[in-house]
Amino acid sequence: MLKLCNKCNRALETGYFSRDSKSNDGHQRWCKNCMAKYKAKNQHTRVQYNTKYYRTKKYRAKSIIRQNTRRKSGCPKEKARAILQSAVANGKIKKPTICSRCNKKYAIREIQGHHNDYNFPFLVVWACPKCHRNLDFVLRGTI
């Protein structure tokens, strides 16, 4: 199926457009190439705006409300995180400095605990951020 890009006015297959659930046909109005050019051109402006916005009191207030709502929801993921954080803080569990996946040494604050099953909060794989991200992708089945 062909779709017209509103930026470059080319008729392209829908595969050249990113998904957008809010639009009628389920795709963005600009093709991926035009969107990439636009983002590259305006990256500096977006970085400045985001830096400024995320430091505002309004954002911080929204963030605190969002965190508290998530914590109170009783989500197993949040419960497992809280239990593990408490155990590490109390010294019941020692956090390693070596990633169990790539065996590289990291600062203790960089190592993250990955839960394969949130019903067992102490069964974690200690991983660096990169390996943790890969583990999450595998768990979700996106790789």
Protein backbone atom coordinates (compact mmCIF):
# COMPACT_ATOMS: atom_id res chain seq x y z
CA MET A 1 0.00 0.00 0.00
CA LEU A 2 1.35 3.43 -0.96
CA LYS A 3 1.27 6.51 1.25
CA LEU A 4 2.24 10.10 0.47
CA CYS A 5 4.89 11.73 2.65
CA ASN A 6 3.68 15.21 3.69
CA LYS A 7 7.27 16.50 3.83
CA CYS A 8 8.94 15.30 0.61
CA ASN A 9 5.70 14.55 -1.32
CA ARG A 10 6.90 11.10 -2.42
CA ALA A 11 4.59 8.11 -2.64
CA LEU A 12 6.20 5.31 -0.62
CA GLU A 13 5.27 1.93 0.78
CA THR A 14 3.90 2.06 4.34
CA GLY A 15 7.06 0.27 5.53
CA TYR A 16 8.91 3.56 5.03
CA PHE A 17 6.71 5.23 7.66
CA SER A 18 6.91 4.74 11.42
CA ARG A 19 3.83 3.57 13.27
CA ASP A 20 1.48 6.09 14.87
CA SER A 21 -1.57 4.74 16.69
CA LYS A 22 -3.22 8.18 16.73
CA SER A 23 -3.39 8.57 12.95
CA ASN A 24 -6.20 7.15 10.83
CA ASP A 25 -4.00 4.82 8.79
CA GLY A 26 -1.71 3.88 11.70
CA HIS A 27 1.42 5.55 10.29
CA GLN A 28 3.16 8.91 10.71
CA ARG A 29 2.71 11.68 8.15
CA TRP A 30 6.44 11.96 7.35
CA CYS A 31 8.58 9.11 6.02
CA LYS A 32 11.44 7.78 8.16
CA ASN A 33 14.08 9.60 6.08
CA CYS A 34 12.39 12.99 6.46
CA MET A 35 11.85 12.40 10.17
CA ALA A 36 15.53 11.45 10.64
CA LYS A 37 16.67 14.61 8.81
CA TYR A 38 14.32 16.76 10.90
CA LYS A 39 15.53 15.21 14.17
CA ALA A 40 19.20 15.58 13.20
CA LYS A 41 18.68 19.24 12.26
CA ASN A 42 16.80 20.08 15.47
CA GLN A 43 18.65 17.84 17.93
CA HIS A 44 20.47 20.71 19.65
CA THR A 45 17.21 22.59 20.20
CA ARG A 46 15.47 19.49 21.55
CA VAL A 47 18.34 18.73 23.95
CA GLN A 48 18.24 22.29 25.30
CA TYR A 49 14.47 22.17 25.75
CA ASN A 50 14.52 18.75 27.45
CA THR A 51 17.33 19.76 29.79
CA LYS A 52 15.43 22.87 30.81
CA TYR A 53 12.08 21.05 31.17
CA TYR A 54 13.35 18.14 33.26
CA ARG A 55 14.78 20.57 35.80
CA THR A 56 11.48 22.38 36.39
CA LYS A 57 9.42 22.00 39.55
CA LYS A 58 6.39 21.08 37.45
CA TYR A 59 8.13 18.03 35.95
CA ARG A 60 9.57 16.95 39.30
CA ALA A 61 6.12 17.15 40.93
CA LYS A 62 4.60 15.04 38.13
CA SER A 63 7.46 12.56 38.41
CA ILE A 64 6.99 12.13 42.16
CA ILE A 65 3.24 11.59 41.72
CA ARG A 66 3.90 9.02 38.97
CA GLN A 67 6.46 7.17 41.12
CA ASN A 68 4.18 7.09 44.15
CA THR A 69 1.25 5.83 42.07
CA ARG A 70 3.39 3.06 40.62
CA ARG A 71 4.70 2.08 44.06
CA LYS A 72 1.23 1.96 45.59
CA SER A 73 -0.25 -0.03 42.71
CA GLY A 74 1.01 -3.30 44.17
CA CYS A 75 2.71 -4.27 40.92
CA PRO A 76 4.89 -7.39 41.47
CA LYS A 77 7.74 -5.70 39.62
CA GLU A 78 7.76 -2.75 42.05
CA LYS A 79 7.45 -5.04 45.08
CA ALA A 80 10.41 -7.13 43.94
CA ARG A 81 12.51 -4.01 43.35
CA ALA A 82 11.65 -2.57 46.76
CA ILE A 83 12.43 -5.84 48.58
CA LEU A 84 15.77 -6.21 46.80
CA GLN A 85 16.75 -2.55 47.40
CA SER A 86 15.93 -2.92 51.08
CA ALA A 87 17.98 -6.12 51.39
CA VAL A 88 20.99 -4.48 49.69
CA ALA A 89 20.68 -1.37 51.88
CA ASN A 90 20.47 -3.49 55.06
CA GLY A 91 23.49 -5.57 54.03
CA LYS A 92 21.55 -8.85 53.74
CA ILE A 93 22.58 -9.11 50.08
CA LYS A 94 25.98 -7.99 48.84
CA LYS A 95 25.95 -6.28 45.47
CA PRO A 96 28.91 -7.40 43.30
CA THR A 97 31.14 -5.12 41.23
CA ILE A 98 31.47 -7.59 38.34
CA CYS A 99 28.78 -8.13 35.70
CA SER A 100 27.74 -11.78 35.72
CA ARG A 101 27.15 -11.71 31.95
CA CYS A 102 30.23 -10.01 30.46
CA ASN A 103 32.54 -10.40 33.52
CA LYS A 104 33.70 -6.78 33.33
CA LYS A 105 34.34 -4.77 36.48
CA TYR A 106 32.07 -1.77 37.15
CA ALA A 107 31.44 0.70 39.94
CA ILE A 108 29.02 -0.78 42.47
CA ARG A 109 26.35 1.82 41.62
CA GLU A 110 26.39 0.74 37.95
CA ILE A 111 25.56 -2.93 38.54
CA GLN A 112 21.82 -3.65 38.31
CA GLY A 113 19.74 -6.59 39.47
CA HIS A 114 17.68 -8.30 36.76
CA HIS A 115 14.64 -10.32 37.87
CA ASN A 116 13.65 -13.23 35.65
CA ASP A 117 10.63 -13.84 37.89
CA TYR A 118 9.25 -11.10 40.14
CA ASN A 119 7.77 -13.68 42.52
CA PHE A 120 11.34 -14.41 43.68
CA PRO A 121 12.80 -10.98 44.52
CA PHE A 122 16.17 -12.33 45.73
CA LEU A 123 16.85 -14.41 42.59
CA VAL A 124 18.56 -11.81 40.44
CA VAL A 125 21.20 -11.71 37.76
CA TRP A 126 23.65 -8.91 38.52
CA ALA A 127 24.41 -7.16 35.24
CA CYS A 128 25.83 -3.96 33.82
CA PRO A 129 23.30 -1.61 32.13
CA LYS A 130 24.10 -2.92 28.63
CA CYS A 131 23.72 -6.58 29.61
CA HIS A 132 20.61 -5.75 31.66
CA ARG A 133 19.00 -4.15 28.61
CA ASN A 134 19.80 -7.25 26.56
CA LEU A 135 18.30 -9.48 29.26
CA ASP A 136 15.12 -7.39 29.20
CA PHE A 137 14.86 -7.76 25.42
CA VAL A 138 15.29 -11.53 25.70
CA LEU A 139 12.68 -11.71 28.49
CA ARG A 140 10.17 -9.76 26.38
CA GLY A 141 10.97 -11.86 23.32
CA THR A 142 12.01 -8.94 21.10
CA ILE A 143 15.34 -10.48 20.08
